[in-house]
Amino acid sequence: MAQQAETFKKLVSHCKEYGFIYQSSEIYDSLAAVYDYGPYGVLLKNNIKEYWWKSMVQMHENIVGIDAAIFMHPTTWKASGHVDAFNDPLIDNKDSKRRYRVDHLIEEHCEKIEAKIQKEVEKAKKKFGDAFDEAQFRATNPRVLERQAEIDKVMYRLARVMEAGDLNGMKAMIDELDIKDPETGSANWTEPRQFNLMFSTQLGNIAGEEGKLYLRPETAQGIFVNFLNVQKTTRQKIPFGIAQIGKAFRNEIVARQFIFRMREFEQMEMQFFVQPGKEMEWYEYWKAKRLKWHLALGHPATKLRFHDHDNLAHYANAAADIEFEFPFGFKELEGIHSRTDFDLTEHQKYSGKKMQYFDPELNENYVPYVVETSIGCDRMFLATMSHALVDEIVPDAEGKDSERTVLKLHPALAPIKCAVLPLLKNKEELTSKARTIFDNLKFAFNTQYDDKDAIGRRYRRQDAIGTPYCVTVDFETLEDNTVTIRERDSLVQERIPIDKIEQIVRERVEMKNLLQ
């Protein structure tokens, strides 16, 4: 746990030091759980969004995109259930004055038991070596089985009390499990209470309930209210999807873990409209499809897993998360939900407008069912950074040069694709040639010119921001118009003609390498 905390601390520090993420309003002592994306952060985030959008919209004939407004008619949120049911159960510790989510405290209790199971597994791995079968060990070892049964029992009970909104039941679990304040160890708790997560504002100068608007807590409703508009104008036939990338806002009282849980965040969502009765078939399809999307980035299968929901939302008949192993453990990265016909039916009821699709094949009208894929862009950013950031020993190097911190991003996601570096700063013939190369390459992809410090330090700086290729202009360049191109991960250097740089780099950093 201490090592994980240190790894996470290093990641947060790296994000600030190298211009990926800053704390919002830092000169005014910051605003908690709100962050700004810096020069390299915004480029990486845009590349993640481009990868999602192209794989979702460009690669599917039957998926189109929209960009709905953040403000929506307030009845939207009554219909969706957010006004009445969009709550988190909170509890305060009387001694530490800290506030927590009840479900998080109970989940963390189970994570501690899971850590004990993992310890047993690691011990057995060392004992049995290559002959060790982890699946069989987990299925047969009495201590592991006993602890897993304990986890299952607690999580099942938590799902039931959460589903029922049973605050007394939640407090009983906190007491019976002897859960203490993680920071102080105090067990002096208040009674739990529900807290609505929506931010509200006023429409113009109208005060009171009649003028109340909400900052949207999710992007999905903008898709649902536009379902018929999109279907008719694009002449889509079911099954078809509507995709959207946009900001959402939640008044998280317990916001933590850097950009994992924020008050202002970005979602990448796609709602897929299907014939009733076929939703589970499409649910399984999108589960497989979305996992493949993550694996294409080079994220190892061991860092990704499915977690089926025990506590289903009021609109769902099936739900699973793709969880990623962040430095602080496995947490939700993307949700795949079978939302039934709840949203369209509710909007039909509250608006008085029909939200039905006429199916020419069946010759009937029906309200479609919906399968949703929803991923937090900021969480995807954090997952990508946490997997890519590594410290490693450089072969055949000595002293300080023997270690480097490198951000091994997929080249298609890297903020800067190529850096052009003159060997020496004070030789005008080298800097002039390097500038000419840079000025030509910047039309093709994000390129950076850098002549500050020794060439080795410049390489390290580019490694730290994830630049896949560095081009060095030296005296040989002046003689034969060739440069040295260095690949970030392998450190292999090769001599290539200047007129081949764009082609070579482009082939290796194109988004189509991911999409294919």
Protein backbone atom coordinates (compact mmCIF):
# COMPACT_ATOMS: atom_id res chain seq x y z
CA MET A 1 0.00 0.00 0.00
CA ALA A 2 2.86 2.38 0.86
CA GLN A 3 4.50 1.67 -2.51
CA GLN A 4 1.20 2.30 -4.34
CA ALA A 5 0.81 5.61 -2.52
CA GLU A 6 4.35 6.61 -3.48
CA THR A 7 3.72 5.65 -7.13
CA PHE A 8 0.54 7.74 -7.19
CA LYS A 9 2.28 10.70 -5.54
CA LYS A 10 5.00 10.54 -8.22
CA LEU A 11 2.38 10.47 -10.97
CA VAL A 12 0.59 13.55 -9.61
CA SER A 13 3.91 15.37 -9.27
CA HIS A 14 4.94 14.42 -12.83
CA CYS A 15 1.64 15.74 -14.21
CA LYS A 16 2.29 19.16 -12.72
CA GLU A 17 6.05 19.36 -13.35
CA TYR A 18 5.71 18.56 -17.04
CA GLY A 19 2.60 20.61 -17.82
CA PHE A 20 -0.09 17.95 -17.99
CA ILE A 21 -2.39 18.99 -15.12
CA TYR A 22 -2.51 21.92 -12.70
CA GLN A 23 -4.70 22.50 -9.67
CA SER A 24 -7.41 25.00 -10.61
CA SER A 25 -7.03 28.56 -9.25
CA GLU A 26 -3.75 27.59 -7.60
CA ILE A 27 -2.69 31.20 -6.93
CA TYR A 28 -5.80 31.52 -4.73
CA ASP A 29 -4.99 28.35 -2.74
CA SER A 30 -6.85 26.20 -5.30
CA LEU A 31 -10.38 24.91 -5.68
CA ALA A 32 -10.74 21.35 -4.38
CA ALA A 33 -11.49 18.60 -6.90
CA VAL A 34 -11.22 20.94 -9.89
CA TYR A 35 -8.23 20.75 -12.25
CA ASP A 36 -6.87 22.50 -15.34
CA TYR A 37 -5.21 20.65 -18.21
CA GLY A 38 -1.83 22.13 -19.17
CA PRO A 39 -0.14 22.36 -22.60
CA TYR A 40 0.68 18.64 -22.88
CA GLY A 41 -2.35 17.51 -20.91
CA VAL A 42 -4.81 19.14 -23.31
CA LEU A 43 -3.06 17.55 -26.31
CA LEU A 44 -3.13 14.08 -24.73
CA LYS A 45 -6.75 14.50 -23.66
CA ASN A 46 -7.76 15.62 -27.17
CA ASN A 47 -6.00 12.58 -28.64
CA ILE A 48 -7.88 10.26 -26.28
CA LYS A 49 -11.16 11.91 -27.34
CA GLU A 50 -10.21 11.61 -31.01
CA TYR A 51 -9.44 7.89 -30.59
CA TRP A 52 -12.81 7.32 -28.90
CA TRP A 53 -14.76 9.43 -31.42
CA LYS A 54 -13.19 7.87 -34.49
CA SER A 55 -13.56 4.32 -33.18
CA MET A 56 -17.18 5.00 -32.21
CA VAL A 57 -18.50 7.29 -34.98
CA GLN A 58 -16.11 7.11 -37.93
CA MET A 59 -15.80 3.33 -37.79
CA HIS A 60 -19.56 2.63 -37.50
CA GLU A 61 -22.08 3.48 -40.22
CA ASN A 62 -24.92 3.27 -37.72
CA ILE A 63 -23.50 5.56 -35.02
CA VAL A 64 -23.68 9.35 -35.33
CA GLY A 65 -22.61 12.14 -33.01
CA ILE A 66 -24.19 15.18 -31.38
CA ASP A 67 -23.13 17.94 -29.00
CA ALA A 68 -26.06 18.75 -26.71
CA ALA A 69 -26.26 21.86 -24.51
CA ILE A 70 -25.18 21.71 -20.88
CA PHE A 71 -28.36 23.50 -19.75
CA MET A 72 -31.58 21.54 -20.26
CA HIS A 73 -35.19 22.13 -19.32
CA PRO A 74 -35.46 21.33 -15.58
CA THR A 75 -38.23 18.78 -16.19
CA THR A 76 -35.58 16.68 -17.96
CA TRP A 77 -34.02 15.87 -14.60
CA LYS A 78 -37.37 15.13 -13.00
CA ALA A 79 -38.10 12.62 -15.77
CA SER A 80 -34.65 11.02 -15.53
CA GLY A 81 -34.99 10.54 -11.76
CA HIS A 82 -32.07 12.81 -10.86
CA VAL A 83 -34.15 15.31 -8.86
CA ASP A 84 -35.51 12.61 -6.54
CA ALA A 85 -32.86 9.90 -6.59
CA PHE A 86 -29.43 11.27 -7.54
CA ASN A 87 -27.97 11.02 -4.05
CA ASP A 88 -24.89 9.76 -2.24
CA PRO A 89 -25.09 8.43 1.34
CA LEU A 90 -22.69 10.51 3.45
CA ILE A 91 -21.42 10.07 6.98
CA ASP A 92 -19.27 12.35 9.16
CA ASN A 93 -16.73 11.41 11.79
CA LYS A 94 -17.38 13.53 14.89
CA ASP A 95 -13.75 13.48 16.04
CA SER A 96 -11.86 14.09 12.79
CA LYS A 97 -14.64 16.27 11.25
CA ARG A 98 -14.04 14.37 7.99
CA ARG A 99 -16.83 13.36 5.65
CA TYR A 100 -17.05 10.05 3.77
CA ARG A 101 -19.36 8.16 1.47
CA VAL A 102 -20.81 5.19 3.32
CA ASP A 103 -20.49 2.82 0.35
CA HIS A 104 -16.84 3.80 -0.13
CA LEU A 105 -16.00 3.01 3.50
CA ILE A 106 -17.61 -0.42 3.22
CA GLU A 107 -15.97 -1.11 -0.15
CA GLU A 108 -12.58 -0.19 1.33
CA HIS A 109 -13.24 -2.64 4.19
CA CYS A 110 -13.69 -5.35 1.54
CA GLU A 111 -10.55 -4.21 -0.29
CA LYS A 112 -8.55 -4.86 2.89
CA ILE A 113 -9.88 -8.42 2.97
CA GLU A 114 -9.02 -8.78 -0.75
CA ALA A 115 -5.47 -7.61 0.08
CA LYS A 116 -5.18 -10.48 2.58
CA ILE A 117 -6.31 -12.91 -0.13
CA GLN A 118 -3.71 -11.47 -2.49
CA LYS A 119 -1.05 -11.96 0.18
CA GLU A 120 -1.97 -15.65 0.40
CA VAL A 121 -1.79 -15.90 -3.39
CA GLU A 122 1.65 -14.26 -3.55
CA LYS A 123 2.94 -16.55 -0.79
CA ALA A 124 1.72 -19.62 -2.67
CA LYS A 125 3.25 -18.33 -5.92
CA LYS A 126 6.68 -18.19 -4.29
CA LYS A 127 6.24 -21.63 -2.77
CA PHE A 128 5.07 -23.50 -5.89
CA GLY A 129 6.81 -21.47 -8.62
CA ASP A 130 5.89 -22.24 -12.24
CA ALA A 131 3.58 -25.07 -11.19
CA PHE A 132 1.29 -22.63 -9.37
CA ASP A 133 -2.31 -22.45 -10.63
CA GLU A 134 -3.84 -19.28 -9.19
CA ALA A 135 -7.41 -20.04 -10.26
CA GLN A 136 -7.31 -23.48 -8.62
CA PHE A 137 -5.71 -22.03 -5.48
CA ARG A 138 -8.43 -19.38 -5.15
CA ALA A 139 -11.11 -22.04 -5.69
CA THR A 140 -9.76 -24.54 -3.13
CA ASN A 141 -7.73 -22.81 -0.39
CA PRO A 142 -9.89 -22.71 2.79
CA ARG A 143 -8.59 -19.31 4.02
CA VAL A 144 -9.11 -17.72 0.61
CA LEU A 145 -12.61 -19.21 0.32
CA GLU A 146 -13.54 -18.01 3.80
CA ARG A 147 -12.36 -14.47 3.10
CA GLN A 148 -14.01 -14.37 -0.32
CA ALA A 149 -17.28 -15.51 1.23
CA GLU A 150 -16.97 -12.68 3.74
CA ILE A 151 -16.48 -10.14 0.90
CA ASP A 152 -19.43 -11.54 -1.05
CA LYS A 153 -21.68 -11.40 1.99
CA VAL A 154 -20.78 -7.77 2.78
CA MET A 155 -21.12 -6.61 -0.85
CA TYR A 156 -24.48 -8.36 -1.26
CA ARG A 157 -25.78 -6.70 1.89
CA LEU A 158 -24.41 -3.30 0.79
CA ALA A 159 -26.17 -3.64 -2.56
CA ARG A 160 -29.49 -4.31 -0.81
CA VAL A 161 -29.29 -1.33 1.59
CA MET A 162 -28.09 0.99 -1.20
CA GLU A 163 -30.90 -0.14 -3.48
CA ALA A 164 -33.47 0.48 -0.73
CA GLY A 165 -31.87 3.76 0.40
CA ASP A 166 -31.83 2.23 3.89
CA LEU A 167 -29.78 4.69 5.94
CA ASN A 168 -30.30 2.75 9.18
CA GLY A 169 -29.06 -0.40 7.45
CA MET A 170 -25.97 1.45 6.25
CA LYS A 171 -25.18 2.68 9.77
CA ALA A 172 -25.68 -0.85 11.13
CA MET A 173 -23.09 -2.14 8.65
CA ILE A 174 -20.60 0.59 9.63
CA ASP A 175 -21.02 -0.38 13.31
CA GLU A 176 -21.05 -4.18 12.86
CA LEU A 177 -17.98 -4.19 10.61
CA ASP A 178 -16.23 -1.88 13.10
CA ILE A 179 -15.26 0.54 10.33
CA LYS A 180 -13.05 3.38 11.51
CA ASP A 181 -12.01 6.73 10.06
CA PRO A 182 -9.18 5.84 7.62
CA GLU A 183 -7.23 8.93 8.67
CA THR A 184 -7.59 8.86 12.47
CA GLY A 185 -8.95 5.47 13.49
CA SER A 186 -11.95 7.02 15.23
CA ALA A 187 -15.28 5.15 15.16
CA ASN A 188 -17.35 8.08 16.41
CA TRP A 189 -19.78 8.42 13.47
CA THR A 190 -22.86 10.54 12.80
CA GLU A 191 -26.00 9.02 11.30
CA PRO A 192 -25.76 8.71 7.48
CA ARG A 193 -27.81 11.07 5.31
CA GLN A 194 -28.49 11.48 1.61
CA PHE A 195 -26.92 14.34 -0.36
CA ASN A 196 -28.13 15.35 -3.85
CA LEU A 197 -25.23 15.76 -6.25
CA MET A 198 -26.69 18.22 -8.76
CA PHE A 199 -25.44 21.80 -9.00
CA SER A 200 -28.28 24.29 -9.47
CA THR A 201 -28.36 27.80 -10.87
CA GLN A 202 -31.00 30.34 -11.91
CA LEU A 203 -32.43 31.07 -15.34
CA GLY A 204 -31.76 34.75 -16.08
CA ASN A 205 -33.02 36.91 -13.23
CA ILE A 206 -35.90 34.65 -12.25
CA ALA A 207 -35.52 33.59 -8.63
CA GLY A 208 -37.13 30.59 -6.93
CA GLU A 209 -38.10 27.12 -8.11
CA GLU A 210 -39.66 28.33 -11.37
CA GLY A 211 -36.30 29.72 -12.51
CA LYS A 212 -34.10 26.83 -11.34
CA LEU A 213 -31.77 25.17 -13.82
CA TYR A 214 -29.24 22.41 -13.24
CA LEU A 215 -25.74 21.88 -14.55
CA ARG A 216 -26.17 18.49 -16.18
CA PRO A 217 -24.89 15.60 -14.01
CA GLU A 218 -24.55 13.36 -17.08
CA THR A 219 -24.50 13.80 -20.85
CA ALA A 220 -26.88 10.94 -21.67
CA GLN A 221 -30.14 12.89 -21.31
CA GLY A 222 -29.13 15.26 -24.12
CA ILE A 223 -29.02 12.19 -26.35
CA PHE A 224 -32.38 10.82 -25.19
CA VAL A 225 -34.34 14.04 -25.72
CA ASN A 226 -32.85 14.29 -29.23
CA PHE A 227 -33.51 10.64 -30.12
CA LEU A 228 -36.26 11.33 -32.69
CA ASN A 229 -34.54 14.44 -34.09
CA VAL A 230 -31.40 12.43 -34.83
CA GLN A 231 -33.25 9.35 -36.11
CA LYS A 232 -35.35 11.35 -38.57
CA THR A 233 -32.64 13.69 -39.86
CA THR A 234 -30.06 10.91 -40.36
CA ARG A 235 -32.68 8.32 -41.47
CA GLN A 236 -31.16 5.73 -39.17
CA LYS A 237 -32.77 2.34 -38.68
CA ILE A 238 -32.62 0.45 -35.42
CA PRO A 239 -30.16 -0.66 -34.20
CA PHE A 240 -28.26 2.62 -34.23
CA GLY A 241 -26.28 4.73 -31.79
CA ILE A 242 -25.78 8.36 -30.82
CA ALA A 243 -22.39 9.40 -29.42
CA GLN A 244 -21.40 12.48 -27.47
CA ILE A 245 -18.38 13.92 -25.67
CA GLY A 246 -19.15 16.65 -23.15
CA LYS A 247 -18.79 18.19 -19.72
CA ALA A 248 -20.86 17.05 -16.75
CA PHE A 249 -20.97 18.38 -13.18
CA ARG A 250 -21.49 16.67 -9.84
CA ASN A 251 -21.32 18.25 -6.42
CA GLU A 252 -19.01 15.58 -5.03
CA ILE A 253 -18.63 16.20 -1.32
CA VAL A 254 -16.02 13.47 -1.04
CA ALA A 255 -13.81 14.15 -4.06
CA ARG A 256 -10.37 12.53 -3.98
CA GLN A 257 -7.67 10.64 -5.84
CA PHE A 258 -6.60 13.50 -8.10
CA ILE A 259 -8.64 13.60 -11.35
CA PHE A 260 -10.35 10.25 -10.64
CA ARG A 261 -13.32 11.93 -8.95
CA MET A 262 -13.95 15.57 -9.81
CA ARG A 263 -16.77 18.09 -9.65
CA GLU A 264 -16.35 19.11 -13.30
CA PHE A 265 -15.46 16.28 -15.66
CA GLU A 266 -15.84 15.07 -19.21
CA GLN A 267 -17.75 12.02 -20.40
CA MET A 268 -17.55 10.04 -23.63
CA GLU A 269 -20.92 8.30 -23.99
CA MET A 270 -22.76 6.34 -26.64
CA GLN A 271 -26.41 5.31 -26.38
CA PHE A 272 -27.28 2.39 -28.68
CA PHE A 273 -30.98 2.02 -29.49
CA VAL A 274 -32.19 -1.54 -30.06
CA GLN A 275 -35.33 -3.57 -30.50
CA PRO A 276 -36.87 -4.68 -27.16
CA GLY A 277 -35.81 -8.23 -26.37
CA LYS A 278 -32.44 -7.87 -28.12
CA GLU A 279 -30.81 -5.67 -25.50
CA MET A 280 -28.83 -8.45 -23.78
CA GLU A 281 -27.34 -9.59 -27.06
CA TRP A 282 -26.11 -6.04 -27.72
CA TYR A 283 -25.04 -5.61 -24.09
CA GLU A 284 -22.63 -8.55 -24.47
CA TYR A 285 -21.48 -7.23 -27.86
CA TRP A 286 -20.56 -3.82 -26.46
CA LYS A 287 -18.83 -5.30 -23.42
CA ALA A 288 -16.48 -7.23 -25.73
CA LYS A 289 -16.07 -4.31 -28.13
CA ARG A 290 -15.16 -1.81 -25.43
CA LEU A 291 -12.63 -4.11 -23.75
CA LYS A 292 -10.93 -4.56 -27.13
CA TRP A 293 -10.70 -0.75 -27.44
CA HIS A 294 -8.73 -0.54 -24.18
CA LEU A 295 -6.45 -3.45 -25.02
CA ALA A 296 -5.54 -1.86 -28.38
CA LEU A 297 -3.72 0.89 -26.45
CA GLY A 298 -1.32 -1.68 -25.05
CA HIS A 299 -2.90 -1.76 -21.60
CA PRO A 300 -2.25 -5.30 -20.33
CA ALA A 301 -5.22 -7.62 -19.82
CA THR A 302 -4.14 -8.09 -16.19
CA LYS A 303 -4.86 -4.39 -15.51
CA LEU A 304 -8.45 -4.62 -16.83
CA ARG A 305 -11.40 -6.62 -15.55
CA PHE A 306 -15.19 -6.68 -15.64
CA HIS A 307 -17.19 -6.11 -12.49
CA ASP A 308 -20.92 -6.88 -12.63
CA HIS A 309 -23.11 -4.53 -10.58
CA ASP A 310 -24.79 -6.01 -7.50
CA ASN A 311 -26.77 -2.81 -7.00
CA LEU A 312 -28.51 -1.95 -10.26
CA ALA A 313 -29.61 1.62 -10.98
CA HIS A 314 -33.36 2.20 -11.21
CA TYR A 315 -33.22 2.27 -15.02
CA ALA A 316 -31.06 -0.83 -15.67
CA ASN A 317 -31.63 -4.56 -16.10
CA ALA A 318 -27.90 -5.32 -16.46
CA ALA A 319 -24.75 -3.33 -15.76
CA ALA A 320 -21.00 -3.97 -15.68
CA ASP A 321 -17.93 -1.83 -15.19
CA ILE A 322 -14.61 -2.18 -16.93
CA GLU A 323 -12.27 -1.65 -14.00
CA PHE A 324 -8.65 -0.56 -14.37
CA GLU A 325 -5.88 -1.16 -11.87
CA PHE A 326 -4.96 2.38 -10.89
CA PRO A 327 -2.11 2.99 -8.41
CA PHE A 328 -4.82 2.97 -5.70
CA GLY A 329 -6.40 -0.34 -6.81
CA PHE A 330 -9.01 -1.58 -9.28
CA LYS A 331 -11.63 1.13 -9.86
CA GLU A 332 -14.34 1.85 -12.41
CA LEU A 333 -13.09 3.20 -15.73
CA GLU A 334 -16.06 2.58 -18.05
CA GLY A 335 -19.65 1.47 -17.57
CA ILE A 336 -21.71 -0.66 -19.94
CA HIS A 337 -25.40 -0.58 -19.01
CA SER A 338 -28.60 -2.03 -20.39
CA ARG A 339 -30.89 0.91 -19.59
CA THR A 340 -34.12 -0.77 -20.87
CA ASP A 341 -36.71 1.71 -22.22
CA PHE A 342 -36.75 3.71 -18.98
CA ASP A 343 -35.37 7.03 -20.25
CA LEU A 344 -37.41 7.34 -23.44
CA THR A 345 -40.58 6.17 -21.67
CA GLU A 346 -40.13 8.71 -18.86
CA HIS A 347 -39.47 11.56 -21.29
CA GLN A 348 -42.55 10.48 -23.24
CA LYS A 349 -44.61 10.59 -20.04
CA TYR A 350 -43.32 13.96 -18.77
CA SER A 351 -43.26 15.76 -22.14
CA GLY A 352 -46.46 14.33 -23.60
CA LYS A 353 -44.55 13.71 -26.86
CA LYS A 354 -44.25 10.23 -28.37
CA MET A 355 -40.72 8.80 -28.24
CA GLN A 356 -41.46 5.80 -30.43
CA TYR A 357 -39.76 4.31 -33.46
CA PHE A 358 -41.70 2.85 -36.37
CA ASP A 359 -40.00 -0.40 -37.34
CA PRO A 360 -40.70 -1.05 -41.06
CA GLU A 361 -39.61 -4.68 -40.77
CA LEU A 362 -42.02 -5.46 -37.93
CA ASN A 363 -44.59 -2.91 -39.14
CA GLU A 364 -45.09 -1.60 -35.60
CA ASN A 365 -44.23 1.28 -33.27
CA TYR A 366 -42.26 0.72 -30.08
CA VAL A 367 -40.10 2.56 -27.57
CA PRO A 368 -36.55 1.26 -28.16
CA TYR A 369 -34.38 -0.23 -25.46
CA VAL A 370 -30.96 1.30 -24.90
CA VAL A 371 -27.49 -0.11 -24.29
CA GLU A 372 -25.06 2.52 -23.01
CA THR A 373 -21.29 2.71 -22.99
CA SER A 374 -19.99 5.54 -20.82
CA ILE A 375 -16.35 6.33 -20.06
CA GLY A 376 -14.91 9.20 -18.08
CA CYS A 377 -12.39 11.02 -20.24
CA ASP A 378 -10.47 12.21 -17.18
CA ARG A 379 -10.33 8.70 -15.73
CA MET A 380 -9.12 7.43 -19.09
CA PHE A 381 -6.43 10.11 -19.01
CA LEU A 382 -5.39 8.99 -15.51
CA ALA A 383 -5.35 5.31 -16.51
CA THR A 384 -3.28 6.08 -19.59
CA MET A 385 -0.75 8.15 -17.64
CA SER A 386 -0.47 5.69 -14.75
CA HIS A 387 0.28 2.78 -17.08
CA ALA A 388 2.65 4.73 -19.33
CA LEU A 389 4.83 6.42 -16.68
CA VAL A 390 7.86 4.24 -15.85
CA ASP A 391 11.36 4.61 -14.43
CA GLU A 392 13.97 2.47 -16.12
CA ILE A 393 17.69 1.83 -16.40
CA VAL A 394 19.27 2.89 -19.69
CA PRO A 395 21.64 0.21 -21.06
CA ASP A 396 25.31 1.16 -21.49
CA ALA A 397 24.88 4.47 -19.64
CA GLU A 398 26.60 5.65 -16.47
CA GLY A 399 25.81 7.94 -13.55
CA LYS A 400 22.74 10.13 -13.84
CA ASP A 401 22.37 9.17 -17.49
CA SER A 402 21.78 5.54 -16.50
CA GLU A 403 18.23 6.27 -15.28
CA ARG A 404 15.33 7.90 -17.05
CA THR A 405 11.66 8.61 -16.46
CA VAL A 406 9.76 7.87 -19.63
CA LEU A 407 6.10 8.19 -20.58
CA LYS A 408 5.49 5.21 -22.86
CA LEU A 409 2.27 6.42 -24.44
CA HIS A 410 0.96 4.82 -27.60
CA PRO A 411 2.48 7.02 -30.36
CA ALA A 412 -1.00 7.92 -31.65
CA LEU A 413 -1.87 9.45 -28.25
CA ALA A 414 1.44 11.22 -27.58
CA PRO A 415 1.03 15.02 -27.20
CA ILE A 416 4.14 15.78 -29.28
CA LYS A 417 4.89 13.36 -32.10
CA CYS A 418 8.38 14.55 -32.98
CA ALA A 419 11.01 16.86 -31.45
CA VAL A 420 13.66 18.54 -33.59
CA LEU A 421 16.94 19.11 -31.73
CA PRO A 422 20.03 20.88 -33.07
CA LEU A 423 23.13 19.21 -31.62
CA LEU A 424 24.51 22.56 -30.42
CA LYS A 425 22.65 25.76 -29.62
CA ASN A 426 25.43 28.20 -30.46
CA LYS A 427 26.05 27.02 -34.05
CA GLU A 428 23.81 29.08 -36.31
CA GLU A 429 24.16 26.68 -39.23
CA LEU A 430 22.76 23.83 -37.10
CA THR A 431 19.91 25.83 -35.52
CA SER A 432 18.95 27.31 -38.88
CA LYS A 433 18.77 23.86 -40.49
CA ALA A 434 16.84 22.48 -37.51
CA ARG A 435 14.38 25.39 -37.68
CA THR A 436 13.74 24.71 -41.37
CA ILE A 437 13.01 21.03 -40.64
CA PHE A 438 10.73 21.99 -37.74
CA ASP A 439 8.83 24.55 -39.85
CA ASN A 440 8.11 21.86 -42.46
CA LEU A 441 7.12 19.11 -40.01
CA LYS A 442 4.69 21.24 -38.00
CA PHE A 443 2.22 21.11 -40.91
CA ALA A 444 2.04 17.31 -40.56
CA PHE A 445 1.76 16.73 -36.79
CA ASN A 446 2.52 18.32 -33.41
CA THR A 447 6.25 18.99 -33.46
CA GLN A 448 8.52 20.72 -30.96
CA TYR A 449 11.80 22.58 -31.44
CA ASP A 450 14.20 22.46 -28.48
CA ASP A 451 17.77 23.79 -28.25
CA LYS A 452 18.03 24.43 -24.48
CA ASP A 453 20.56 22.38 -22.43
CA ALA A 454 22.78 19.50 -23.49
CA ILE A 455 21.38 17.02 -26.01
CA GLY A 456 21.11 14.27 -23.36
CA ARG A 457 18.94 16.44 -21.10
CA ARG A 458 16.73 17.33 -24.05
CA TYR A 459 16.24 13.64 -24.81
CA ARG A 460 15.21 13.06 -21.18
CA ARG A 461 12.76 15.96 -21.31
CA GLN A 462 11.10 14.53 -24.42
CA ASP A 463 11.01 11.06 -22.82
CA ALA A 464 9.17 12.54 -19.82
CA ILE A 465 6.40 14.05 -21.97
CA GLY A 466 6.10 10.91 -24.11
CA THR A 467 7.48 12.14 -27.46
CA PRO A 468 7.93 9.01 -29.63
CA TYR A 469 10.63 10.42 -31.95
CA CYS A 470 13.50 12.85 -31.62
CA VAL A 471 15.33 14.14 -34.69
CA THR A 472 18.89 15.42 -34.11
CA VAL A 473 20.51 17.81 -36.54
CA ASP A 474 24.35 17.60 -36.46
CA PHE A 475 27.32 18.53 -38.64
CA GLU A 476 26.83 15.46 -40.80
CA THR A 477 23.38 16.84 -41.65
CA LEU A 478 25.01 19.86 -43.25
CA GLU A 479 27.06 17.57 -45.51
CA ASP A 480 24.55 14.95 -46.67
CA ASN A 481 21.04 16.11 -45.57
CA THR A 482 20.57 13.19 -43.18
CA VAL A 483 19.54 13.30 -39.51
CA THR A 484 19.54 10.91 -36.57
CA ILE A 485 16.05 9.77 -35.55
CA ARG A 486 15.74 8.26 -32.07
CA GLU A 487 12.82 6.05 -31.00
CA ARG A 488 11.61 6.68 -27.45
CA ASP A 489 11.02 3.15 -26.13
CA SER A 490 13.80 1.14 -27.76
CA LEU A 491 16.32 4.05 -27.79
CA VAL A 492 17.35 2.83 -31.25
CA GLN A 493 18.90 5.54 -33.41
CA GLU A 494 19.07 5.43 -37.19
CA ARG A 495 20.29 7.74 -39.89
CA ILE A 496 17.63 8.83 -42.37
CA PRO A 497 17.32 11.47 -45.13
CA ILE A 498 15.57 14.71 -44.13
CA ASP A 499 12.90 14.22 -46.79
CA LYS A 500 11.91 10.87 -45.19
CA ILE A 501 11.27 12.20 -41.66
CA GLU A 502 7.62 13.10 -42.19
CA GLN A 503 6.76 9.78 -43.86
CA ILE A 504 8.51 7.65 -41.23
CA VAL A 505 7.05 9.49 -38.23
CA ARG A 506 3.56 9.76 -39.74
CA GLU A 507 3.40 6.01 -40.45
CA ARG A 508 4.21 5.25 -36.81
CA VAL A 509 2.00 7.83 -35.08
CA GLU A 510 -1.17 7.75 -37.18
CA MET A 511 -4.46 7.11 -35.39
CA LYS A 512 -5.32 4.41 -37.92
CA ASN A 513 -2.69 2.19 -36.26
CA LEU A 514 -4.99 2.08 -33.24
CA LEU A 515 -8.25 1.88 -35.19
CA GLN A 516 -7.09 -1.07 -37.29
